[in-house]
Every structure is written in structure tokens, then in C-alpha cells.
Amino acid sequence: MSTNLKYDTESLWRKDRDHFIHPWTDFSTFKEEGSMVMANSEGAYVIDSDGNRYIDGIGGLWCVNIGYANEEMAEAIADQVRQIPYFSPFGHLTTRLRAQLAGPKSQN
């Protein structure tokens, strides 16, 4: 995978600044400095729109703790999306996978 991709960073962050609301942002500097634009990822790293590579020390806190571009995870997600990607849990509704994963692992 090439990490030397170059993008028009300023154009991207201006578009982001004008149309996206960022939580936990210092807006006193944001309007002038804009966003750091991430363009790619690989393993534990993210690559910005200027080609700089960083260890992702924050994304893993929420949803990428196994890293980026993990083929096993991508295939599992693709398999699930082909079956039923999501269905509302409101009322008396569930899905097969949600019910299977609800209990302790020893009972599944």
C-alpha cells in the first residue's frame, strides 16, 4: 500500500471546517488552523493527506483496537453485511447474531 499519496490538504480541511461539526474542538483556533486530514491507514498507523505517518493513539480507544486494514475483520464484517447488517433493537426485536453474542461466551 502506498503511503505517499498527496491530497490538496487545505481544500479538504476548509470543506471539513465549513460543513462538519467537531466535538471537543477549540473553535478559537480551528477556524484558522483547520483539521489534520487523515487519508489512509495501515495496521496501527494513520497517514495524513500530506503523506505523514502517525501511530493512531486515539482511534483504538473506540473502534479500531485491532488496527486498520485487518483482513480477517474485513471479511467477518462483509459476511455479516451480506446477511443482515443492522436491525433495530427497539420493542421486541433482535437479530440472530445479537442474541448469540448477548450471553457469556461459555454459553454461546
PDB file of N, CA and C in Angstrom:
ATOM      1  N   MET A   1       0.834  -1.175   0.000  1.00  0.00           N
ATOM      2  CA  MET A   1       0.000   0.000   0.000  1.00  0.00           C
ATOM      3  C   MET A   1       0.879   1.239   0.000  1.00  0.00           C
ATOM      4  N   SER A   2       0.596   2.165  -0.884  1.00  0.00           N
ATOM      5  CA  SER A   2       1.386   3.390  -0.962  1.00  0.00           C
ATOM      6  C   SER A   2       0.969   4.366   0.123  1.00  0.00           C
ATOM      7  N   THR A   3       1.966   4.889   0.823  1.00  0.00           N
ATOM      8  CA  THR A   3       1.678   5.914   1.822  1.00  0.00           C
ATOM      9  C   THR A   3       2.154   7.275   1.342  1.00  0.00           C
ATOM     10  N   ASN A   4       2.475   7.379   0.057  1.00  0.00           N
ATOM     11  CA  ASN A   4       2.964   8.637  -0.495  1.00  0.00           C
ATOM     12  C   ASN A   4       1.873   9.410  -1.229  1.00  0.00           C
ATOM     13  N   LEU A   5       0.610   9.115  -0.930  1.00  0.00           N
ATOM     14  CA  LEU A   5      -0.486   9.818  -1.568  1.00  0.00           C
ATOM     15  C   LEU A   5      -0.488  11.273  -1.115  1.00  0.00           C
ATOM     16  N   LYS A   6      -0.689  12.176  -2.056  1.00  0.00           N
ATOM     17  CA  LYS A   6      -0.756  13.602  -1.735  1.00  0.00           C
ATOM     18  C   LYS A   6      -2.142  14.118  -2.114  1.00  0.00           C
ATOM     19  N   TYR A   7      -2.711  14.918  -1.260  1.00  0.00           N
ATOM     20  CA  TYR A   7      -4.020  15.498  -1.487  1.00  0.00           C
ATOM     21  C   TYR A   7      -3.912  17.002  -1.320  1.00  0.00           C
ATOM     22  N   ASP A   8      -4.915  17.723  -1.739  1.00  0.00           N
ATOM     23  CA  ASP A   8      -4.978  19.156  -1.506  1.00  0.00           C
ATOM     24  C   ASP A   8      -5.492  19.367  -0.086  1.00  0.00           C
ATOM     25  N   THR A   9      -4.589  19.306   0.870  1.00  0.00           N
ATOM     26  CA  THR A   9      -4.939  19.345   2.286  1.00  0.00           C
ATOM     27  C   THR A   9      -5.743  20.582   2.647  1.00  0.00           C
ATOM     28  N   GLU A  10      -5.321  21.735   2.191  1.00  0.00           N
ATOM     29  CA  GLU A  10      -6.029  22.963   2.569  1.00  0.00           C
ATOM     30  C   GLU A  10      -7.469  22.959   2.071  1.00  0.00           C
ATOM     31  N   SER A  11      -7.684  22.517   0.841  1.00  0.00           N
ATOM     32  CA  SER A  11      -9.041  22.437   0.296  1.00  0.00           C
ATOM     33  C   SER A  11      -9.899  21.467   1.115  1.00  0.00           C
ATOM     34  N   LEU A  12      -9.309  20.330   1.489  1.00  0.00           N
ATOM     35  CA  LEU A  12     -10.046  19.343   2.276  1.00  0.00           C
ATOM     36  C   LEU A  12     -10.414  19.882   3.649  1.00  0.00           C
ATOM     37  N   TRP A  13      -9.461  20.511   4.357  1.00  0.00           N
ATOM     38  CA  TRP A  13      -9.801  20.976   5.698  1.00  0.00           C
ATOM     39  C   TRP A  13     -10.750  22.156   5.668  1.00  0.00           C
ATOM     40  N   ARG A  14     -10.705  22.982   4.631  1.00  0.00           N
ATOM     41  CA  ARG A  14     -11.676  24.082   4.524  1.00  0.00           C
ATOM     42  C   ARG A  14     -13.088  23.527   4.319  1.00  0.00           C
ATOM     43  N   LYS A  15     -13.206  22.523   3.479  1.00  0.00           N
ATOM     44  CA  LYS A  15     -14.505  21.880   3.262  1.00  0.00           C
ATOM     45  C   LYS A  15     -15.003  21.261   4.566  1.00  0.00           C
ATOM     46  N   ASP A  16     -14.108  20.592   5.270  1.00  0.00           N
ATOM     47  CA  ASP A  16     -14.436  19.989   6.563  1.00  0.00           C
ATOM     48  C   ASP A  16     -14.860  21.068   7.558  1.00  0.00           C
ATOM     49  N   ARG A  17     -14.079  22.132   7.641  1.00  0.00           N
ATOM     50  CA  ARG A  17     -14.367  23.227   8.579  1.00  0.00           C
ATOM     51  C   ARG A  17     -15.742  23.836   8.316  1.00  0.00           C
ATOM     52  N   ASP A  18     -16.096  23.979   7.056  1.00  0.00           N
ATOM     53  CA  ASP A  18     -17.341  24.645   6.694  1.00  0.00           C
ATOM     54  C   ASP A  18     -18.581  23.763   6.814  1.00  0.00           C
ATOM     55  N   HIS A  19     -18.398  22.432   6.852  1.00  0.00           N
ATOM     56  CA  HIS A  19     -19.571  21.563   6.774  1.00  0.00           C
ATOM     57  C   HIS A  19     -19.647  20.448   7.808  1.00  0.00           C
ATOM     58  N   PHE A  20     -18.716  20.397   8.740  1.00  0.00           N
ATOM     59  CA  PHE A  20     -18.715  19.306   9.718  1.00  0.00           C
ATOM     60  C   PHE A  20     -18.544  19.884  11.116  1.00  0.00           C
ATOM     61  N   ILE A  21     -19.306  19.375  12.075  1.00  0.00           N
ATOM     62  CA  ILE A  21     -19.190  19.831  13.458  1.00  0.00           C
ATOM     63  C   ILE A  21     -18.288  18.863  14.209  1.00  0.00           C
ATOM     64  N   HIS A  22     -17.211  19.377  14.786  1.00  0.00           N
ATOM     65  CA  HIS A  22     -16.254  18.557  15.527  1.00  0.00           C
ATOM     66  C   HIS A  22     -16.474  18.683  17.031  1.00  0.00           C
ATOM     67  N   PRO A  23     -16.797  17.585  17.713  1.00  0.00           N
ATOM     68  CA  PRO A  23     -16.899  17.664  19.173  1.00  0.00           C
ATOM     69  C   PRO A  23     -15.512  17.825  19.791  1.00  0.00           C
ATOM     70  N   TRP A  24     -15.450  18.353  20.989  1.00  0.00           N
ATOM     71  CA  TRP A  24     -14.203  18.539  21.749  1.00  0.00           C
ATOM     72  C   TRP A  24     -13.165  19.331  20.953  1.00  0.00           C
ATOM     73  N   THR A  25     -13.607  20.406  20.322  1.00  0.00           N
ATOM     74  CA  THR A  25     -12.722  21.207  19.490  1.00  0.00           C
ATOM     75  C   THR A  25     -12.582  22.615  20.056  1.00  0.00           C
ATOM     76  N   ASP A  26     -11.374  23.142  20.027  1.00  0.00           N
ATOM     77  CA  ASP A  26     -11.121  24.528  20.403  1.00  0.00           C
ATOM     78  C   ASP A  26     -11.404  25.385  19.171  1.00  0.00           C
ATOM     79  N   PHE A  27     -12.610  25.937  19.107  1.00  0.00           N
ATOM     80  CA  PHE A  27     -13.012  26.680  17.915  1.00  0.00           C
ATOM     81  C   PHE A  27     -12.318  28.033  17.785  1.00  0.00           C
ATOM     82  N   SER A  28     -11.644  28.491  18.835  1.00  0.00           N
ATOM     83  CA  SER A  28     -10.913  29.758  18.724  1.00  0.00           C
ATOM     84  C   SER A  28      -9.724  29.623  17.767  1.00  0.00           C
ATOM     85  N   THR A  29      -9.168  28.448  17.620  1.00  0.00           N
ATOM     86  CA  THR A  29      -8.063  28.227  16.683  1.00  0.00           C
ATOM     87  C   THR A  29      -8.487  27.417  15.457  1.00  0.00           C
ATOM     88  N   PHE A  30      -9.553  26.666  15.573  1.00  0.00           N
ATOM     89  CA  PHE A  30      -9.980  25.765  14.499  1.00  0.00           C
ATOM     90  C   PHE A  30     -10.268  26.498  13.191  1.00  0.00           C
ATOM     91  N   LYS A  31     -10.909  27.665  13.256  1.00  0.00           N
ATOM     92  CA  LYS A  31     -11.277  28.377  12.030  1.00  0.00           C
ATOM     93  C   LYS A  31     -10.063  28.759  11.189  1.00  0.00           C
ATOM     94  N   GLU A  32      -8.932  28.992  11.834  1.00  0.00           N
ATOM     95  CA  GLU A  32      -7.716  29.361  11.104  1.00  0.00           C
ATOM     96  C   GLU A  32      -6.828  28.159  10.790  1.00  0.00           C
ATOM     97  N   GLU A  33      -6.710  27.248  11.730  1.00  0.00           N
ATOM     98  CA  GLU A  33      -5.793  26.115  11.575  1.00  0.00           C
ATOM     99  C   GLU A  33      -6.427  24.931  10.871  1.00  0.00           C
ATOM    100  N   GLY A  34      -7.727  24.766  11.004  1.00  0.00           N
ATOM    101  CA  GLY A  34      -8.426  23.670  10.364  1.00  0.00           C
ATOM    102  C   GLY A  34      -8.089  22.310  10.942  1.00  0.00           C
ATOM    103  N   SER A  35      -8.440  21.289  10.206  1.00  0.00           N
ATOM    104  CA  SER A  35      -8.271  19.904  10.639  1.00  0.00           C
ATOM    105  C   SER A  35      -6.981  19.298  10.114  1.00  0.00           C
ATOM    106  N   MET A  36      -6.463  18.331  10.851  1.00  0.00           N
ATOM    107  CA  MET A  36      -5.428  17.455  10.323  1.00  0.00           C
ATOM    108  C   MET A  36      -6.212  16.395   9.544  1.00  0.00           C
ATOM    109  N   VAL A  37      -5.978  16.277   8.265  1.00  0.00           N
ATOM    110  CA  VAL A  37      -6.775  15.407   7.404  1.00  0.00           C
ATOM    111  C   VAL A  37      -6.103  14.047   7.260  1.00  0.00           C
ATOM    112  N   MET A  38      -6.766  13.005   7.762  1.00  0.00           N
ATOM    113  CA  MET A  38      -6.254  11.648   7.619  1.00  0.00           C
ATOM    114  C   MET A  38      -6.797  11.053   6.323  1.00  0.00           C
ATOM    115  N   ALA A  39      -5.913  10.457   5.542  1.00  0.00           N
ATOM    116  CA  ALA A  39      -6.286   9.977   4.217  1.00  0.00           C
ATOM    117  C   ALA A  39      -6.196   8.469   4.056  1.00  0.00           C
ATOM    118  N   ASN A  40      -5.419   7.808   4.923  1.00  0.00           N
ATOM    119  CA  ASN A  40      -5.210   6.379   4.753  1.00  0.00           C
ATOM    120  C   ASN A  40      -4.848   5.773   6.099  1.00  0.00           C
ATOM    121  N   SER A  41      -4.811   4.458   6.144  1.00  0.00           N
ATOM    122  CA  SER A  41      -4.451   3.768   7.384  1.00  0.00           C
ATOM    123  C   SER A  41      -3.843   2.416   7.062  1.00  0.00           C
ATOM    124  N   GLU A  42      -3.069   1.914   8.021  1.00  0.00           N
ATOM    125  CA  GLU A  42      -2.409   0.618   7.839  1.00  0.00           C
ATOM    126  C   GLU A  42      -1.943   0.126   9.204  1.00  0.00           C
ATOM    127  N   GLY A  43      -2.451  -1.018   9.633  1.00  0.00           N
ATOM    128  CA  GLY A  43      -2.066  -1.553  10.935  1.00  0.00           C
ATOM    129  C   GLY A  43      -2.406  -0.586  12.051  1.00  0.00           C
ATOM    130  N   ALA A  44      -1.421  -0.183  12.836  1.00  0.00           N
ATOM    131  CA  ALA A  44      -1.637   0.750  13.948  1.00  0.00           C
ATOM    132  C   ALA A  44      -1.390   2.201  13.533  1.00  0.00           C
ATOM    133  N   TYR A  45      -1.245   2.451  12.241  1.00  0.00           N
ATOM    134  CA  TYR A  45      -0.869   3.776  11.758  1.00  0.00           C
ATOM    135  C   TYR A  45      -1.977   4.433  10.942  1.00  0.00           C
ATOM    136  N   VAL A  46      -1.999   5.765  10.987  1.00  0.00           N
ATOM    137  CA  VAL A  46      -2.810   6.569  10.083  1.00  0.00           C
ATOM    138  C   VAL A  46      -1.850   7.461   9.299  1.00  0.00           C
ATOM    139  N   ILE A  47      -2.249   7.790   8.072  1.00  0.00           N
ATOM    140  CA  ILE A  47      -1.411   8.595   7.194  1.00  0.00           C
ATOM    141  C   ILE A  47      -2.211   9.836   6.820  1.00  0.00           C
ATOM    142  N   ASP A  48      -1.625  11.012   7.036  1.00  0.00           N
ATOM    143  CA  ASP A  48      -2.363  12.239   6.731  1.00  0.00           C
ATOM    144  C   ASP A  48      -2.302  12.556   5.241  1.00  0.00           C
ATOM    145  N   SER A  49      -3.038  13.590   4.850  1.00  0.00           N
ATOM    146  CA  SER A  49      -3.151  13.939   3.438  1.00  0.00           C
ATOM    147  C   SER A  49      -1.860  14.495   2.845  1.00  0.00           C
ATOM    148  N   ASP A  50      -0.857  14.732   3.681  1.00  0.00           N
ATOM    149  CA  ASP A  50       0.459  15.137   3.190  1.00  0.00           C
ATOM    150  C   ASP A  50       1.446  13.975   3.170  1.00  0.00           C
ATOM    151  N   GLY A  51       0.980  12.772   3.520  1.00  0.00           N
ATOM    152  CA  GLY A  51       1.826  11.587   3.480  1.00  0.00           C
ATOM    153  C   GLY A  51       2.561  11.275   4.769  1.00  0.00           C
ATOM    154  N   ASN A  52       2.336  12.059   5.837  1.00  0.00           N
ATOM    155  CA  ASN A  52       2.987  11.794   7.127  1.00  0.00           C
ATOM    156  C   ASN A  52       2.286  10.645   7.840  1.00  0.00           C
ATOM    157  N   ARG A  53       3.060   9.804   8.494  1.00  0.00           N
ATOM    158  CA  ARG A  53       2.554   8.587   9.139  1.00  0.00           C
ATOM    159  C   ARG A  53       2.615   8.757  10.658  1.00  0.00           C
ATOM    160  N   TYR A  54       1.511   8.389  11.343  1.00  0.00           N
ATOM    161  CA  TYR A  54       1.418   8.525  12.796  1.00  0.00           C
ATOM    162  C   TYR A  54       0.887   7.240  13.415  1.00  0.00           C
ATOM    163  N   ILE A  55       1.362   6.903  14.608  1.00  0.00           N
ATOM    164  CA  ILE A  55       0.728   5.825  15.367  1.00  0.00           C
ATOM    165  C   ILE A  55      -0.623   6.350  15.822  1.00  0.00           C
ATOM    166  N   ASP A  56      -1.681   5.587  15.597  1.00  0.00           N
ATOM    167  CA  ASP A  56      -3.021   6.016  15.994  1.00  0.00           C
ATOM    168  C   ASP A  56      -3.221   5.730  17.472  1.00  0.00           C
ATOM    169  N   GLY A  57      -2.998   6.726  18.289  1.00  0.00           N
ATOM    170  CA  GLY A  57      -3.134   6.559  19.729  1.00  0.00           C
ATOM    171  C   GLY A  57      -4.503   6.913  20.253  1.00  0.00           C
ATOM    172  N   ILE A  58      -5.427   7.357  19.393  1.00  0.00           N
ATOM    173  CA  ILE A  58      -6.750   7.731  19.880  1.00  0.00           C
ATOM    174  C   ILE A  58      -7.868   6.895  19.261  1.00  0.00           C
ATOM    175  N   GLY A  59      -7.774   6.532  17.994  1.00  0.00           N
ATOM    176  CA  GLY A  59      -8.835   5.775  17.335  1.00  0.00           C
ATOM    177  C   GLY A  59      -9.100   4.433  17.983  1.00  0.00           C
ATOM    178  N   GLY A  60      -8.048   3.796  18.448  1.00  0.00           N
ATOM    179  CA  GLY A  60      -8.191   2.499  19.085  1.00  0.00           C
ATOM    180  C   GLY A  60      -8.983   2.530  20.372  1.00  0.00           C
ATOM    181  N   LEU A  61      -9.131   3.717  20.952  1.00  0.00           N
ATOM    182  CA  LEU A  61      -9.929   3.821  22.173  1.00  0.00           C
ATOM    183  C   LEU A  61     -11.383   3.463  21.923  1.00  0.00           C
ATOM    184  N   TRP A  62     -11.863   3.684  20.718  1.00  0.00           N
ATOM    185  CA  TRP A  62     -13.273   3.481  20.436  1.00  0.00           C
ATOM    186  C   TRP A  62     -13.562   2.326  19.488  1.00  0.00           C
ATOM    187  N   CYS A  63     -12.898   2.257  18.362  1.00  0.00           N
ATOM    188  CA  CYS A  63     -13.397   1.271  17.401  1.00  0.00           C
ATOM    189  C   CYS A  63     -12.352   0.583  16.529  1.00  0.00           C
ATOM    190  N   VAL A  64     -11.095   0.885  16.649  1.00  0.00           N
ATOM    191  CA  VAL A  64     -10.100   0.212  15.814  1.00  0.00           C
ATOM    192  C   VAL A  64      -8.971  -0.377  16.648  1.00  0.00           C
ATOM    193  N   ASN A  65      -9.331  -0.978  17.763  1.00  0.00           N
ATOM    194  CA  ASN A  65      -8.301  -1.511  18.655  1.00  0.00           C
ATOM    195  C   ASN A  65      -7.563  -2.715  18.081  1.00  0.00           C
ATOM    196  N   ILE A  66      -8.021  -3.296  16.975  1.00  0.00           N
ATOM    197  CA  ILE A  66      -7.276  -4.385  16.326  1.00  0.00           C
ATOM    198  C   ILE A  66      -6.469  -3.869  15.143  1.00  0.00           C
ATOM    199  N   GLY A  67      -6.463  -2.561  14.933  1.00  0.00           N
ATOM    200  CA  GLY A  67      -5.704  -1.968  13.843  1.00  0.00           C
ATOM    201  C   GLY A  67      -6.535  -1.788  12.585  1.00  0.00           C
ATOM    202  N   TYR A  68      -5.931  -1.149  11.619  1.00  0.00           N
ATOM    203  CA  TYR A  68      -6.583  -0.874  10.344  1.00  0.00           C
ATOM    204  C   TYR A  68      -6.218  -1.944   9.327  1.00  0.00           C
ATOM    205  N   ALA A  69      -7.062  -2.084   8.316  1.00  0.00           N
ATOM    206  CA  ALA A  69      -6.824  -2.993   7.190  1.00  0.00           C
ATOM    207  C   ALA A  69      -6.640  -4.436   7.641  1.00  0.00           C
ATOM    208  N   ASN A  70      -7.360  -4.831   8.692  1.00  0.00           N
ATOM    209  CA  ASN A  70      -7.296  -6.198   9.203  1.00  0.00           C
ATOM    210  C   ASN A  70      -8.198  -7.071   8.323  1.00  0.00           C
ATOM    211  N   GLU A  71      -7.596  -7.939   7.523  1.00  0.00           N
ATOM    212  CA  GLU A  71      -8.345  -8.736   6.545  1.00  0.00           C
ATOM    213  C   GLU A  71      -9.369  -9.669   7.194  1.00  0.00           C
ATOM    214  N   GLU A  72      -9.016 -10.290   8.308  1.00  0.00           N
ATOM    215  CA  GLU A  72      -9.949 -11.196   8.987  1.00  0.00           C
ATOM    216  C   GLU A  72     -11.196 -10.434   9.440  1.00  0.00           C
ATOM    217  N   MET A  73     -11.001  -9.257  10.014  1.00  0.00           N
ATOM    218  CA  MET A  73     -12.131  -8.446  10.454  1.00  0.00           C
ATOM    219  C   MET A  73     -12.948  -7.961   9.258  1.00  0.00           C
ATOM    220  N   ALA A  74     -12.277  -7.536   8.189  1.00  0.00           N
ATOM    221  CA  ALA A  74     -12.982  -7.058   7.000  1.00  0.00           C
ATOM    222  C   ALA A  74     -13.866  -8.156   6.414  1.00  0.00           C
ATOM    223  N   GLU A  75     -13.360  -9.374   6.384  1.00  0.00           N
ATOM    224  CA  GLU A  75     -14.146 -10.492   5.852  1.00  0.00           C
ATOM    225  C   GLU A  75     -15.334 -10.809   6.755  1.00  0.00           C
ATOM    226  N   ALA A  76     -15.127 -10.773   8.074  1.00  0.00           N
ATOM    227  CA  ALA A  76     -16.232 -11.021   9.012  1.00  0.00           C
ATOM    228  C   ALA A  76     -17.309  -9.948   8.866  1.00  0.00           C
ATOM    229  N   ILE A  77     -16.895  -8.705   8.711  1.00  0.00           N
ATOM    230  CA  ILE A  77     -17.855  -7.613   8.519  1.00  0.00           C
ATOM    231  C   ILE A  77     -18.604  -7.803   7.207  1.00  0.00           C
ATOM    232  N   ALA A  78     -17.880  -8.129   6.137  1.00  0.00           N
ATOM    233  CA  ALA A  78     -18.519  -8.344   4.836  1.00  0.00           C
ATOM    234  C   ALA A  78     -19.525  -9.485   4.903  1.00  0.00           C
ATOM    235  N   ASP A  79     -19.174 -10.575   5.573  1.00  0.00           N
ATOM    236  CA  ASP A  79     -20.106 -11.700   5.720  1.00  0.00           C
ATOM    237  C   ASP A  79     -21.377 -11.262   6.433  1.00  0.00           C
ATOM    238  N   GLN A  80     -21.229 -10.486   7.506  1.00  0.00           N
ATOM    239  CA  GLN A  80     -22.395 -10.041   8.258  1.00  0.00           C
ATOM    240  C   GLN A  80     -23.249  -9.071   7.451  1.00  0.00           C
ATOM    241  N   VAL A  81     -22.611  -8.169   6.711  1.00  0.00           N
ATOM    242  CA  VAL A  81     -23.350  -7.210   5.891  1.00  0.00           C
ATOM    243  C   VAL A  81     -24.168  -7.937   4.829  1.00  0.00           C
ATOM    244  N   ARG A  82     -23.651  -9.035   4.309  1.00  0.00           N
ATOM    245  CA  ARG A  82     -24.389  -9.809   3.309  1.00  0.00           C
ATOM    246  C   ARG A  82     -25.625 -10.472   3.911  1.00  0.00           C
ATOM    247  N   GLN A  83     -25.599 -10.752   5.212  1.00  0.00           N
ATOM    248  CA  GLN A  83     -26.738 -11.397   5.873  1.00  0.00           C
ATOM    249  C   GLN A  83     -27.748 -10.358   6.359  1.00  0.00           C
ATOM    250  N   ILE A  84     -27.383  -9.602   7.368  1.00  0.00           N
ATOM    251  CA  ILE A  84     -28.225  -8.538   7.903  1.00  0.00           C
ATOM    252  C   ILE A  84     -27.309  -7.585   8.664  1.00  0.00           C
ATOM    253  N   PRO A  85     -26.975  -6.433   8.067  1.00  0.00           N
ATOM    254  CA  PRO A  85     -26.003  -5.540   8.676  1.00  0.00           C
ATOM    255  C   PRO A  85     -26.488  -4.887   9.961  1.00  0.00           C
ATOM    256  N   TYR A  86     -27.778  -4.599  10.035  1.00  0.00           N
ATOM    257  CA  TYR A  86     -28.326  -3.936  11.218  1.00  0.00           C
ATOM    258  C   TYR A  86     -29.837  -4.105  11.208  1.00  0.00           C
ATOM    259  N   PHE A  87     -30.402  -4.205  12.381  1.00  0.00           N
ATOM    260  CA  PHE A  87     -31.848  -4.166  12.531  1.00  0.00           C
ATOM    261  C   PHE A  87     -32.139  -3.582  13.896  1.00  0.00           C
ATOM    262  N   SER A  88     -33.108  -2.726  13.964  1.00  0.00           N
ATOM    263  CA  SER A  88     -33.432  -2.001  15.192  1.00  0.00           C
ATOM    264  C   SER A  88     -33.698  -2.938  16.369  1.00  0.00           C
ATOM    265  N   PRO A  89     -33.137  -2.613  17.552  1.00  0.00           N
ATOM    266  CA  PRO A  89     -33.419  -3.402  18.745  1.00  0.00           C
ATOM    267  C   PRO A  89     -34.636  -2.883  19.503  1.00  0.00           C
ATOM    268  N   PHE A  90     -35.344  -1.892  18.964  1.00  0.00           N
ATOM    269  CA  PHE A  90     -36.495  -1.324  19.661  1.00  0.00           C
ATOM    270  C   PHE A  90     -37.614  -2.351  19.798  1.00  0.00           C
ATOM    271  N   GLY A  91     -38.395  -2.189  20.840  1.00  0.00           N
ATOM    272  CA  GLY A  91     -39.525  -3.083  21.056  1.00  0.00           C
ATOM    273  C   GLY A  91     -39.064  -4.507  21.275  1.00  0.00           C
ATOM    274  N   HIS A  92     -39.715  -5.436  20.657  1.00  0.00           N
ATOM    275  CA  HIS A  92     -39.441  -6.867  20.828  1.00  0.00           C
ATOM    276  C   HIS A  92     -38.681  -7.402  19.619  1.00  0.00           C
ATOM    277  N   LEU A  93     -37.605  -6.734  19.230  1.00  0.00           N
ATOM    278  CA  LEU A  93     -36.873  -7.105  18.023  1.00  0.00           C
ATOM    279  C   LEU A  93     -35.417  -7.415  18.343  1.00  0.00           C
ATOM    280  N   THR A  94     -34.860  -8.398  17.652  1.00  0.00           N
ATOM    281  CA  THR A  94     -33.437  -8.714  17.764  1.00  0.00           C
ATOM    282  C   THR A  94     -32.979  -9.362  16.467  1.00  0.00           C
ATOM    283  N   THR A  95     -31.734  -9.738  16.402  1.00  0.00           N
ATOM    284  CA  THR A  95     -31.209 -10.497  15.271  1.00  0.00           C
ATOM    285  C   THR A  95     -30.536 -11.749  15.819  1.00  0.00           C
ATOM    286  N   ARG A  96     -30.313 -12.707  14.948  1.00  0.00           N
ATOM    287  CA  ARG A  96     -29.674 -13.954  15.356  1.00  0.00           C
ATOM    288  C   ARG A  96     -28.318 -13.686  16.000  1.00  0.00           C
ATOM    289  N   LEU A  97     -27.482 -12.907  15.338  1.00  0.00           N
ATOM    290  CA  LEU A  97     -26.142 -12.656  15.856  1.00  0.00           C
ATOM    291  C   LEU A  97     -26.183 -11.884  17.178  1.00  0.00           C
ATOM    292  N   ARG A  98     -27.045 -10.884  17.279  1.00  0.00           N
ATOM    293  CA  ARG A  98     -27.154 -10.115  18.519  1.00  0.00           C
ATOM    294  C   ARG A  98     -27.528 -11.034  19.677  1.00  0.00           C
ATOM    295  N   ALA A  99     -28.479 -11.925  19.452  1.00  0.00           N
ATOM    296  CA  ALA A  99     -28.903 -12.851  20.507  1.00  0.00           C
ATOM    297  C   ALA A  99     -27.783 -13.822  20.869  1.00  0.00           C
ATOM    298  N   GLN A 100     -27.063 -14.320  19.854  1.00  0.00           N
ATOM    299  CA  GLN A 100     -25.965 -15.255  20.119  1.00  0.00           C
ATOM    300  C   GLN A 100     -24.846 -14.608  20.926  1.00  0.00           C
ATOM    301  N   LEU A 101     -24.578 -13.348  20.681  1.00  0.00           N
ATOM    302  CA  LEU A 101     -23.481 -12.662  21.362  1.00  0.00           C
ATOM    303  C   LEU A 101     -23.887 -12.028  22.693  1.00  0.00           C
ATOM    304  N   ALA A 102     -25.158 -12.085  23.034  1.00  0.00           N
ATOM    305  CA  ALA A 102     -25.652 -11.403  24.230  1.00  0.00           C
ATOM    306  C   ALA A 102     -25.195 -12.041  25.533  1.00  0.00           C
ATOM    307  N   GLY A 103     -25.066 -13.349  25.582  1.00  0.00           N
ATOM    308  CA  GLY A 103     -24.719 -14.032  26.827  1.00  0.00           C
ATOM    309  C   GLY A 103     -23.227 -14.213  26.998  1.00  0.00           C
ATOM    310  N   PRO A 104     -22.840 -14.776  28.123  1.00  0.00           N
ATOM    311  CA  PRO A 104     -21.421 -15.083  28.347  1.00  0.00           C
ATOM    312  C   PRO A 104     -20.890 -16.009  27.255  1.00  0.00           C
ATOM    313  N   LYS A 105     -19.633 -15.855  26.912  1.00  0.00           N
ATOM    314  CA  LYS A 105     -19.014 -16.647  25.844  1.00  0.00           C
ATOM    315  C   LYS A 105     -19.164 -18.145  26.091  1.00  0.00           C
ATOM    316  N   SER A 106     -19.100 -18.574  27.331  1.00  0.00           N
ATOM    317  CA  SER A 106     -19.197 -20.001  27.642  1.00  0.00           C
ATOM    318  C   SER A 106     -20.559 -20.585  27.285  1.00  0.00           C
ATOM    319  N   GLN A 107     -21.575 -19.742  27.129  1.00  0.00           N
ATOM    320  CA  GLN A 107     -22.916 -20.230  26.799  1.00  0.00           C
ATOM    321  C   GLN A 107     -23.215 -20.174  25.308  1.00  0.00           C
ATOM    322  N   ASN A 108     -22.357 -19.570  24.506  1.00  0.00           N
ATOM    323  CA  ASN A 108     -22.638 -19.412  23.071  1.00  0.00           C
ATOM    324  C   ASN A 108     -22.256 -20.632  22.288  1.00  0.00           C
TER     325      ASN A 108
END
